Amino acid sequence: MVARAALIAALLAAPAGAEGRVGALSGALFPSDGSCYLRQYSAAHLAAHPAQRVTQIAVGPWGPEWGNRRDLVLTVAVYLKGDADRYSGAAWCRDAGPDLRCRMEGDAGSFALEAATGGALRMTLTGDGIGFEGARDFVTLSARTGDDRVFLIPPVPADACP
């Protein structure tokens, strides 16, 4: 809850008229606050990748105050095998050449986003991976081990995202 309060305070501190993006890529990948990417992995996919923990992943703008002149603020949410809880976190992203470089709130890791075939989003974990907060605990996805290091996430209508 403290983390959300800090995020809201940071968003409210954005300068007036802060709806612009840093660069062309962030605007192309997330043209509105209704932009959303979601992937639900099939049982067959998960059986073929037993080291993958993520069963669903969603990425989209934080909300109506989703961008400022320097950063694009996103929500990243995951569901894991054997766990009904939703784990989520906020990320601040900036254009960095061919991709967006994103840092999770509270020093919870980093990832890169780039455009992929068919309008999909390619998310690659960097550094040590990324961490999320759930209703009961925290989880971390490693950027070095397991099958949760790269995600291809197709675009979906905003109302399809959790």
C-alpha atoms as a PDB file:
ATOM      1  CA  MET A   1       0.000   0.000   0.000  1.00  0.00           C
ATOM      2  CA  VAL A   2       2.897   2.340   0.773  1.00  0.00           C
ATOM      3  CA  ALA A   3       4.336   1.618  -2.676  1.00  0.00           C
ATOM      4  CA  ARG A   4       1.056   2.610  -4.363  1.00  0.00           C
ATOM      5  CA  ALA A   5       0.898   5.834  -2.359  1.00  0.00           C
ATOM      6  CA  ALA A   6       4.436   6.676  -3.501  1.00  0.00           C
ATOM      7  CA  LEU A   7       3.508   5.980  -7.127  1.00  0.00           C
ATOM      8  CA  ILE A   8       0.391   8.151  -6.941  1.00  0.00           C
ATOM      9  CA  ALA A   9       2.418  10.967  -5.385  1.00  0.00           C
ATOM     10  CA  ALA A  10       4.996  10.698  -8.178  1.00  0.00           C
ATOM     11  CA  LEU A  11       2.298  10.828 -10.836  1.00  0.00           C
ATOM     12  CA  LEU A  12       0.614  13.829  -9.265  1.00  0.00           C
ATOM     13  CA  ALA A  13       3.962  15.624  -9.212  1.00  0.00           C
ATOM     14  CA  ALA A  14       4.208  15.375 -13.018  1.00  0.00           C
ATOM     15  CA  PRO A  15       4.145  18.750 -14.764  1.00  0.00           C
ATOM     16  CA  ALA A  16       0.911  20.135 -16.219  1.00  0.00           C
ATOM     17  CA  GLY A  17       0.237  18.918 -19.744  1.00  0.00           C
ATOM     18  CA  ALA A  18       2.224  15.776 -18.995  1.00  0.00           C
ATOM     19  CA  GLU A  19       0.451  13.569 -21.491  1.00  0.00           C
ATOM     20  CA  GLY A  20       3.405  13.472 -23.929  1.00  0.00           C
ATOM     21  CA  ARG A  21       5.864  10.596 -24.283  1.00  0.00           C
ATOM     22  CA  VAL A  22       9.643  10.628 -24.370  1.00  0.00           C
ATOM     23  CA  GLY A  23       9.956   9.020 -27.751  1.00  0.00           C
ATOM     24  CA  ALA A  24       8.308   7.472 -30.747  1.00  0.00           C
ATOM     25  CA  LEU A  25       8.593   3.849 -29.566  1.00  0.00           C
ATOM     26  CA  SER A  26       6.744   4.350 -26.275  1.00  0.00           C
ATOM     27  CA  GLY A  27       4.008   6.207 -28.157  1.00  0.00           C
ATOM     28  CA  ALA A  28       3.790   3.477 -30.806  1.00  0.00           C
ATOM     29  CA  LEU A  29       3.624   0.594 -28.302  1.00  0.00           C
ATOM     30  CA  PHE A  30       1.270   2.407 -25.896  1.00  0.00           C
ATOM     31  CA  PRO A  31      -0.695   4.971 -27.919  1.00  0.00           C
ATOM     32  CA  SER A  32      -3.395   5.413 -25.250  1.00  0.00           C
ATOM     33  CA  ASP A  33      -4.326   4.553 -21.686  1.00  0.00           C
ATOM     34  CA  GLY A  34      -6.389   1.706 -23.191  1.00  0.00           C
ATOM     35  CA  SER A  35      -3.331  -0.029 -24.660  1.00  0.00           C
ATOM     36  CA  CYS A  36      -2.962  -3.537 -23.301  1.00  0.00           C
ATOM     37  CA  TYR A  37      -0.964  -6.691 -23.930  1.00  0.00           C
ATOM     38  CA  LEU A  38      -1.995 -10.042 -22.448  1.00  0.00           C
ATOM     39  CA  ARG A  39      -0.858 -13.633 -22.805  1.00  0.00           C
ATOM     40  CA  GLN A  40      -2.474 -16.646 -21.191  1.00  0.00           C
ATOM     41  CA  TYR A  41      -0.317 -19.728 -21.647  1.00  0.00           C
ATOM     42  CA  SER A  42      -2.046 -22.968 -22.669  1.00  0.00           C
ATOM     43  CA  ALA A  43      -1.706 -26.196 -20.705  1.00  0.00           C
ATOM     44  CA  ALA A  44       0.217 -27.645 -23.665  1.00  0.00           C
ATOM     45  CA  HIS A  45       2.706 -24.762 -23.639  1.00  0.00           C
ATOM     46  CA  LEU A  46       3.218 -25.041 -19.883  1.00  0.00           C
ATOM     47  CA  ALA A  47       3.697 -28.822 -20.143  1.00  0.00           C
ATOM     48  CA  ALA A  48       6.362 -28.264 -22.806  1.00  0.00           C
ATOM     49  CA  HIS A  49       8.075 -25.668 -20.575  1.00  0.00           C
ATOM     50  CA  PRO A  50       8.029 -27.168 -17.049  1.00  0.00           C
ATOM     51  CA  ALA A  51      10.417 -24.504 -15.706  1.00  0.00           C
ATOM     52  CA  GLN A  52       7.951 -21.725 -16.631  1.00  0.00           C
ATOM     53  CA  ARG A  53       6.042 -20.418 -13.611  1.00  0.00           C
ATOM     54  CA  VAL A  54       3.996 -17.678 -15.319  1.00  0.00           C
ATOM     55  CA  THR A  55       0.569 -18.797 -16.548  1.00  0.00           C
ATOM     56  CA  GLN A  56      -0.618 -15.298 -17.520  1.00  0.00           C
ATOM     57  CA  ILE A  57       1.121 -11.956 -18.018  1.00  0.00           C
ATOM     58  CA  ALA A  58      -0.370  -8.527 -18.751  1.00  0.00           C
ATOM     59  CA  VAL A  59       1.296  -5.171 -19.482  1.00  0.00           C
ATOM     60  CA  GLY A  60      -0.494  -1.858 -19.869  1.00  0.00           C
ATOM     61  CA  PRO A  61      -0.470   1.798 -18.830  1.00  0.00           C
ATOM     62  CA  TRP A  62      -0.889   2.457 -15.120  1.00  0.00           C
ATOM     63  CA  GLY A  63      -4.092   4.427 -15.613  1.00  0.00           C
ATOM     64  CA  PRO A  64      -5.329   7.809 -16.760  1.00  0.00           C
ATOM     65  CA  GLU A  65      -2.114   9.469 -15.553  1.00  0.00           C
ATOM     66  CA  TRP A  66      -0.005   6.903 -17.393  1.00  0.00           C
ATOM     67  CA  GLY A  67       2.742   9.030 -18.926  1.00  0.00           C
ATOM     68  CA  ASN A  68       4.766  12.135 -18.301  1.00  0.00           C
ATOM     69  CA  ARG A  69       7.390  13.969 -20.275  1.00  0.00           C
ATOM     70  CA  ARG A  70      10.188  11.649 -19.138  1.00  0.00           C
ATOM     71  CA  ASP A  71       8.675   8.264 -18.339  1.00  0.00           C
ATOM     72  CA  LEU A  72       5.932   5.908 -19.416  1.00  0.00           C
ATOM     73  CA  VAL A  73       4.366   4.318 -16.309  1.00  0.00           C
ATOM     74  CA  LEU A  74       3.138   0.753 -16.800  1.00  0.00           C
ATOM     75  CA  THR A  75       1.454  -1.949 -14.755  1.00  0.00           C
ATOM     76  CA  VAL A  76       2.868  -5.450 -15.095  1.00  0.00           C
ATOM     77  CA  ALA A  77       0.762  -8.294 -13.672  1.00  0.00           C
ATOM     78  CA  VAL A  78       1.321 -12.053 -13.553  1.00  0.00           C
ATOM     79  CA  TYR A  79      -0.403 -15.206 -12.367  1.00  0.00           C
ATOM     80  CA  LEU A  80       1.732 -18.217 -11.441  1.00  0.00           C
ATOM     81  CA  LYS A  81       1.281 -21.993 -11.545  1.00  0.00           C
ATOM     82  CA  GLY A  82      -0.568 -23.294  -8.508  1.00  0.00           C
ATOM     83  CA  ASP A  83      -1.367 -19.815  -7.180  1.00  0.00           C
ATOM     84  CA  ALA A  84      -4.676 -17.962  -7.616  1.00  0.00           C
ATOM     85  CA  ASP A  85      -3.193 -14.622  -6.463  1.00  0.00           C
ATOM     86  CA  ARG A  86      -2.451 -11.798  -8.894  1.00  0.00           C
ATOM     87  CA  TYR A  87       1.053 -10.345  -8.527  1.00  0.00           C
ATOM     88  CA  SER A  88       1.666  -6.878  -9.915  1.00  0.00           C
ATOM     89  CA  GLY A  89       3.973  -3.909  -9.899  1.00  0.00           C
ATOM     90  CA  ALA A  90       4.542  -0.561 -11.555  1.00  0.00           C
ATOM     91  CA  ALA A  91       7.377   0.141 -13.972  1.00  0.00           C
ATOM     92  CA  TRP A  92       8.854   3.387 -15.280  1.00  0.00           C
ATOM     93  CA  CYS A  93      10.019   3.108 -18.904  1.00  0.00           C
ATOM     94  CA  ARG A  94      12.041   5.277 -21.262  1.00  0.00           C
ATOM     95  CA  ASP A  95      12.859   4.974 -24.941  1.00  0.00           C
ATOM     96  CA  ALA A  96      16.385   3.624 -25.413  1.00  0.00           C
ATOM     97  CA  GLY A  97      17.023   3.154 -29.121  1.00  0.00           C
ATOM     98  CA  PRO A  98      15.269   0.037 -30.422  1.00  0.00           C
ATOM     99  CA  ASP A  99      13.536  -0.748 -27.129  1.00  0.00           C
ATOM    100  CA  LEU A 100      12.061   0.665 -23.943  1.00  0.00           C
ATOM    101  CA  ARG A 101      14.140   0.228 -20.786  1.00  0.00           C
ATOM    102  CA  CYS A 102      11.959  -0.255 -17.727  1.00  0.00           C
ATOM    103  CA  ARG A 103      12.634  -0.278 -13.967  1.00  0.00           C
ATOM    104  CA  MET A 104      10.166  -1.760 -11.523  1.00  0.00           C
ATOM    105  CA  GLU A 105       9.048   0.346  -8.591  1.00  0.00           C
ATOM    106  CA  GLY A 106      10.990  -0.096  -5.344  1.00  0.00           C
ATOM    107  CA  ASP A 107      14.177  -1.380  -7.010  1.00  0.00           C
ATOM    108  CA  ALA A 108      12.299  -4.584  -7.922  1.00  0.00           C
ATOM    109  CA  GLY A 109      14.304  -5.174 -11.088  1.00  0.00           C
ATOM    110  CA  SER A 110      14.316  -4.275 -14.749  1.00  0.00           C
ATOM    111  CA  PHE A 111      13.255  -5.376 -18.212  1.00  0.00           C
ATOM    112  CA  ALA A 112      13.258  -4.249 -21.837  1.00  0.00           C
ATOM    113  CA  LEU A 113      10.268  -3.977 -24.172  1.00  0.00           C
ATOM    114  CA  GLU A 114      10.362  -4.032 -27.961  1.00  0.00           C
ATOM    115  CA  ALA A 115       7.953  -4.443 -30.826  1.00  0.00           C
ATOM    116  CA  ALA A 116       7.579  -8.017 -32.086  1.00  0.00           C
ATOM    117  CA  THR A 117       5.894  -9.653 -35.069  1.00  0.00           C
ATOM    118  CA  GLY A 118       2.132  -9.231 -35.406  1.00  0.00           C
ATOM    119  CA  GLY A 119       1.917  -6.215 -33.108  1.00  0.00           C
ATOM    120  CA  ALA A 120       3.066  -8.234 -30.096  1.00  0.00           C
ATOM    121  CA  LEU A 121       5.317  -6.957 -27.350  1.00  0.00           C
ATOM    122  CA  ARG A 122       8.580  -8.747 -26.533  1.00  0.00           C
ATOM    123  CA  MET A 123       9.481  -8.425 -22.849  1.00  0.00           C
ATOM    124  CA  THR A 124      13.011  -9.470 -21.848  1.00  0.00           C
ATOM    125  CA  LEU A 125      13.989  -9.510 -18.179  1.00  0.00           C
ATOM    126  CA  THR A 126      17.357  -7.905 -17.472  1.00  0.00           C
ATOM    127  CA  GLY A 127      19.742  -7.792 -14.520  1.00  0.00           C
ATOM    128  CA  ASP A 128      18.535 -10.089 -11.753  1.00  0.00           C
ATOM    129  CA  GLY A 129      14.922 -10.189 -13.003  1.00  0.00           C
ATOM    130  CA  ILE A 130      11.786  -8.543 -11.627  1.00  0.00           C
ATOM    131  CA  GLY A 131       9.750  -8.761  -8.438  1.00  0.00           C
ATOM    132  CA  PHE A 132       6.033  -8.432  -7.781  1.00  0.00           C
ATOM    133  CA  GLU A 133       3.767  -7.906  -4.818  1.00  0.00           C
ATOM    134  CA  GLY A 134       0.698 -10.064  -4.246  1.00  0.00           C
ATOM    135  CA  ALA A 135      -2.020 -10.024  -1.601  1.00  0.00           C
ATOM    136  CA  ARG A 136      -0.034 -12.322   0.686  1.00  0.00           C
ATOM    137  CA  ASP A 137       3.627 -12.203  -0.373  1.00  0.00           C
ATOM    138  CA  PHE A 138       6.210 -11.289  -2.985  1.00  0.00           C
ATOM    139  CA  VAL A 139       7.577 -13.261  -5.948  1.00  0.00           C
ATOM    140  CA  THR A 140      10.602 -12.819  -8.173  1.00  0.00           C
ATOM    141  CA  LEU A 141      11.122 -13.929 -11.763  1.00  0.00           C
ATOM    142  CA  SER A 142      14.789 -14.564 -12.525  1.00  0.00           C
ATOM    143  CA  ALA A 143      16.447 -13.125 -15.615  1.00  0.00           C
ATOM    144  CA  ARG A 144      19.100 -15.848 -15.421  1.00  0.00           C
ATOM    145  CA  THR A 145      17.332 -19.177 -14.852  1.00  0.00           C
ATOM    146  CA  GLY A 146      14.019 -20.836 -15.683  1.00  0.00           C
ATOM    147  CA  ASP A 147      11.659 -20.205 -18.582  1.00  0.00           C
ATOM    148  CA  ASP A 148      10.318 -16.857 -17.334  1.00  0.00           C
ATOM    149  CA  ARG A 149      12.971 -14.651 -18.934  1.00  0.00           C
ATOM    150  CA  VAL A 150      11.378 -13.647 -22.272  1.00  0.00           C
ATOM    151  CA  PHE A 151       7.673 -13.176 -23.019  1.00  0.00           C
ATOM    152  CA  LEU A 152       5.902 -12.572 -26.349  1.00  0.00           C
ATOM    153  CA  ILE A 153       2.672 -10.815 -25.425  1.00  0.00           C
ATOM    154  CA  PRO A 154      -0.016 -10.007 -28.023  1.00  0.00           C
ATOM    155  CA  PRO A 155      -2.146  -6.842 -27.926  1.00  0.00           C
ATOM    156  CA  VAL A 156      -5.720  -7.177 -26.642  1.00  0.00           C
ATOM    157  CA  PRO A 157      -8.637  -4.798 -26.035  1.00  0.00           C
ATOM    158  CA  ALA A 158      -8.293  -2.863 -22.781  1.00  0.00           C
ATOM    159  CA  ASP A 159     -11.250  -4.642 -21.185  1.00  0.00           C
ATOM    160  CA  ALA A 160      -9.458  -7.993 -21.614  1.00  0.00           C
ATOM    161  CA  CYS A 161      -6.650  -7.045 -19.242  1.00  0.00           C
ATOM    162  CA  PRO A 162      -6.918  -7.957 -15.555  1.00  0.00           C
END
